[in-house]
Amino acid sequence: MEQLDFPTENPIWSQLPTEEQKQSEQNPAIGTVNRSIFWTVMLLALLILGGITMLISKGAIAMAAAVPVPVTVQATTIKTTRFRLYPGISRADNASPVAVNQLDGTLSNLVITKTVSLPVVGNVTVTLKAGQNTAVTTTGLTTDLAGLSSDSATFGGQAVNSNTNGNAFEIDAQSATLNNVTINAPYMIANSMTLPGLTLSVK
């Protein structure tokens, strides 16, 4: 009988994956974190963030600001170089009627407060203060006014127009000064704002 020779080099069955290979392919690869690199990057990011916050608090740079709403805004004095007031719908919910105010100017002793309800903790009040010594400056500050009170208000170059820019009526002034102001704002945003002496507290 003729003897059959089977190839011994690289047989087909030797190329099939073993149980250990199958198991290693099924298990996801688990990476490791280099702690020295992680903490170096984290420390650098915190230093940069702290530096930016310090520059904003000293008024060295301005920031675009969108304040979490609704908020209560208080200021000892608001002085504007451009004042515009007209009726509208709040952008907070696109439903509530408000008076929309737009201005460029300065705010002295600015205090912005917001109270939120958190599970377990309860009510938490976040307070932002700025402009105690050097006034806060802002451009393009747009505020939806649900309520506003002021001890006194003075307007210069005031004009009342109807059917302006699609609004039923609009009040414009070249300048305005409001003293001891309290504003309830469901929506507030600014193109730019400097915040000298910025402090933030949570209670």
Protein backbone atom coordinates (compact mmCIF):
# COMPACT_ATOMS: atom_id res chain seq x y z
CA MET A 1 0.00 0.00 0.00
CA GLU A 2 1.25 3.40 -0.92
CA GLN A 3 2.08 5.60 2.09
CA LEU A 4 0.51 9.03 2.16
CA ASP A 5 2.63 11.92 3.33
CA PHE A 6 0.86 14.82 5.10
CA PRO A 7 2.54 18.23 5.21
CA THR A 8 3.92 18.99 8.60
CA GLU A 9 4.81 22.66 8.04
CA ASN A 10 2.03 25.21 8.63
CA PRO A 11 -0.88 22.78 8.63
CA ILE A 12 -4.29 24.38 8.26
CA TRP A 13 -5.42 23.39 11.75
CA SER A 14 -2.39 25.06 13.27
CA GLN A 15 -3.58 28.40 11.87
CA LEU A 16 -6.97 28.19 13.57
CA PRO A 17 -7.31 30.43 16.68
CA THR A 18 -6.94 28.67 19.98
CA GLU A 19 -9.33 29.15 22.88
CA GLU A 20 -6.86 31.53 24.55
CA GLN A 21 -6.62 33.65 21.38
CA LYS A 22 -10.41 33.78 21.10
CA GLN A 23 -10.69 34.87 24.72
CA SER A 24 -8.07 37.63 24.30
CA GLU A 25 -9.86 38.94 21.20
CA GLN A 26 -13.19 39.08 23.00
CA ASN A 27 -11.86 40.91 26.06
CA PRO A 28 -11.63 44.72 25.51
CA ALA A 29 -8.24 46.30 25.90
CA ILE A 30 -7.90 48.19 29.16
CA GLY A 31 -5.70 51.28 29.03
CA THR A 32 -3.70 52.83 31.81
CA VAL A 33 -3.29 56.49 32.75
CA ASN A 34 0.09 58.00 33.32
CA ARG A 35 -0.54 59.88 36.55
CA SER A 36 2.32 62.32 36.14
CA ILE A 37 1.09 63.40 32.68
CA PHE A 38 -2.54 63.58 33.85
CA TRP A 39 -1.82 65.81 36.84
CA THR A 40 0.56 67.99 34.83
CA VAL A 41 -2.14 68.67 32.22
CA MET A 42 -4.79 69.19 34.92
CA LEU A 43 -2.60 71.65 36.84
CA LEU A 44 -1.80 73.58 33.66
CA ALA A 45 -5.50 73.82 32.76
CA LEU A 46 -6.36 75.08 36.26
CA LEU A 47 -3.60 77.69 36.12
CA ILE A 48 -4.84 78.96 32.74
CA LEU A 49 -8.44 79.09 33.98
CA GLY A 50 -7.35 80.91 37.13
CA GLY A 51 -5.34 83.40 35.09
CA ILE A 52 -8.27 84.15 32.79
CA THR A 53 -10.58 84.62 35.79
CA MET A 54 -8.10 86.99 37.41
CA LEU A 55 -7.76 89.05 34.21
CA ILE A 56 -11.56 89.28 33.90
CA SER A 57 -11.87 90.34 37.55
CA LYS A 58 -9.30 93.10 37.00
CA GLY A 59 -11.02 94.24 33.85
CA ALA A 60 -8.01 93.39 31.69
CA ILE A 61 -10.12 91.37 29.29
CA ALA A 62 -13.80 91.30 28.42
CA MET A 63 -15.96 88.25 28.02
CA ALA A 64 -19.17 87.39 26.25
CA ALA A 65 -21.68 86.59 28.94
CA ALA A 66 -24.87 84.59 29.03
CA VAL A 67 -26.19 84.55 32.59
CA PRO A 68 -28.10 81.44 33.78
CA VAL A 69 -31.69 82.61 34.06
CA PRO A 70 -33.96 83.71 35.62
CA VAL A 71 -31.90 86.03 37.81
CA THR A 72 -32.22 89.12 39.97
CA VAL A 73 -29.91 91.98 39.01
CA GLN A 74 -29.11 94.87 41.35
CA ALA A 75 -26.87 97.88 40.80
CA THR A 76 -26.24 101.13 42.64
CA THR A 77 -25.99 103.03 39.35
CA ILE A 78 -26.48 102.18 35.69
CA LYS A 79 -25.14 104.73 33.22
CA THR A 80 -25.68 104.13 29.52
CA THR A 81 -24.36 105.63 26.31
CA ARG A 82 -27.09 103.89 24.29
CA PHE A 83 -30.47 102.93 25.68
CA ARG A 84 -33.31 101.08 23.92
CA LEU A 85 -36.54 99.71 25.38
CA TYR A 86 -39.39 97.96 23.57
CA PRO A 87 -42.05 95.27 24.24
CA GLY A 88 -41.31 91.71 23.18
CA ILE A 89 -41.42 88.00 23.97
CA SER A 90 -38.78 86.53 26.28
CA ARG A 91 -36.20 84.34 24.62
CA ALA A 92 -36.13 82.25 27.80
CA ASP A 93 -39.34 80.45 26.83
CA ASN A 94 -40.49 82.24 23.65
CA ALA A 95 -43.86 82.78 25.32
CA SER A 96 -43.71 85.27 28.21
CA PRO A 97 -44.34 88.97 27.44
CA VAL A 98 -41.49 91.22 28.62
CA ALA A 99 -39.93 94.62 28.08
CA VAL A 100 -36.65 94.14 26.20
CA ASN A 101 -33.84 96.50 27.17
CA GLN A 102 -30.60 96.93 25.20
CA LEU A 103 -27.75 99.17 26.30
CA ASP A 104 -24.05 99.97 26.31
CA GLY A 105 -22.71 101.45 29.52
CA THR A 106 -21.44 100.92 33.05
CA LEU A 107 -22.90 99.36 36.19
CA SER A 108 -21.67 100.17 39.70
CA ASN A 109 -21.90 97.61 42.52
CA LEU A 110 -23.40 94.94 40.30
CA VAL A 111 -24.98 92.00 42.13
CA ILE A 112 -26.51 89.07 40.24
CA THR A 113 -28.29 86.40 42.27
CA LYS A 114 -29.95 83.14 41.30
CA THR A 115 -31.65 80.61 43.57
CA VAL A 116 -31.87 76.99 42.48
CA SER A 117 -33.49 73.99 44.17
CA LEU A 118 -31.27 70.92 44.46
CA PRO A 119 -32.23 67.43 45.64
CA VAL A 120 -31.37 66.71 49.29
CA VAL A 121 -29.54 70.05 49.68
CA GLY A 122 -32.60 72.25 49.12
CA ASN A 123 -32.45 75.86 47.90
CA VAL A 124 -29.01 77.16 46.93
CA THR A 125 -28.36 80.84 46.16
CA VAL A 126 -25.50 81.75 43.83
CA THR A 127 -24.34 85.38 44.07
CA LEU A 128 -21.99 87.15 41.66
CA LYS A 129 -20.61 90.58 42.63
CA ALA A 130 -18.44 92.99 40.64
CA GLY A 131 -17.83 96.69 40.13
CA GLN A 132 -17.42 97.75 43.76
CA ASN A 133 -14.49 100.10 43.10
CA THR A 134 -14.29 100.17 39.29
CA ALA A 135 -17.59 100.01 37.42
CA VAL A 136 -18.52 97.04 35.26
CA THR A 137 -18.52 97.95 31.57
CA THR A 138 -20.70 96.21 29.01
CA THR A 139 -21.64 96.38 25.35
CA GLY A 140 -24.74 94.89 23.78
CA LEU A 141 -26.31 94.03 27.12
CA THR A 142 -29.76 92.64 26.34
CA THR A 143 -32.12 92.01 29.25
CA ASP A 144 -35.69 90.74 29.23
CA LEU A 145 -37.39 92.74 31.97
CA ALA A 146 -40.13 90.94 33.88
CA GLY A 147 -39.87 93.70 36.48
CA LEU A 148 -37.75 96.80 37.11
CA SER A 149 -37.59 99.33 39.94
CA SER A 150 -35.33 102.37 40.31
CA ASP A 151 -35.20 105.20 42.87
CA SER A 152 -34.63 107.70 40.05
CA ALA A 153 -34.04 107.73 36.31
CA THR A 154 -32.72 110.45 34.02
CA PHE A 155 -32.79 110.26 30.22
CA GLY A 156 -30.98 112.41 27.66
CA GLY A 157 -31.99 112.70 24.03
CA GLN A 158 -35.09 110.60 24.62
CA ALA A 159 -37.41 109.68 21.77
CA VAL A 160 -40.57 107.58 21.65
CA ASN A 161 -41.30 105.98 18.29
CA SER A 162 -44.07 103.74 17.00
CA ASN A 163 -43.78 100.92 14.49
CA THR A 164 -39.98 100.92 14.70
CA ASN A 165 -38.16 97.74 13.63
CA GLY A 166 -41.46 95.87 13.80
CA ASN A 167 -42.13 96.96 17.39
CA ALA A 168 -45.45 98.55 18.41
CA PHE A 169 -43.47 101.29 20.12
CA GLU A 170 -39.90 101.89 21.18
CA ILE A 171 -38.15 104.22 23.63
CA ASP A 172 -34.64 105.32 22.66
CA ALA A 173 -32.23 107.57 24.53
CA GLN A 174 -28.73 108.81 23.80
CA SER A 175 -27.95 108.48 27.51
CA ALA A 176 -29.65 107.28 30.68
CA THR A 177 -28.82 107.11 34.39
CA LEU A 178 -30.72 104.85 36.79
CA ASN A 179 -30.04 104.77 40.53
CA ASN A 180 -30.57 101.89 42.98
CA VAL A 181 -31.88 99.52 40.35
CA THR A 182 -33.46 96.09 40.86
CA ILE A 183 -34.30 93.97 37.82
CA ASN A 184 -36.06 90.61 37.53
CA ALA A 185 -34.70 89.06 34.33
CA PRO A 186 -35.87 85.80 32.75
CA TYR A 187 -33.19 86.27 30.07
CA MET A 188 -29.91 88.20 29.97
CA ILE A 189 -26.98 88.20 27.56
CA ALA A 190 -24.12 90.57 26.66
CA ASN A 191 -21.76 90.92 23.71
CA SER A 192 -18.92 91.79 26.09
CA MET A 193 -18.52 92.57 29.77
CA THR A 194 -15.61 93.42 32.07
CA LEU A 195 -16.05 92.41 35.70
CA PRO A 196 -13.57 94.25 38.00
CA GLY A 197 -13.44 92.83 41.52
CA LEU A 198 -15.36 89.69 40.56
CA THR A 199 -16.45 87.46 43.46
CA LEU A 200 -18.71 84.40 43.47
CA SER A 201 -20.39 82.90 46.53
CA VAL A 202 -22.73 79.98 47.06
CA LYS A 203 -25.05 79.65 50.08
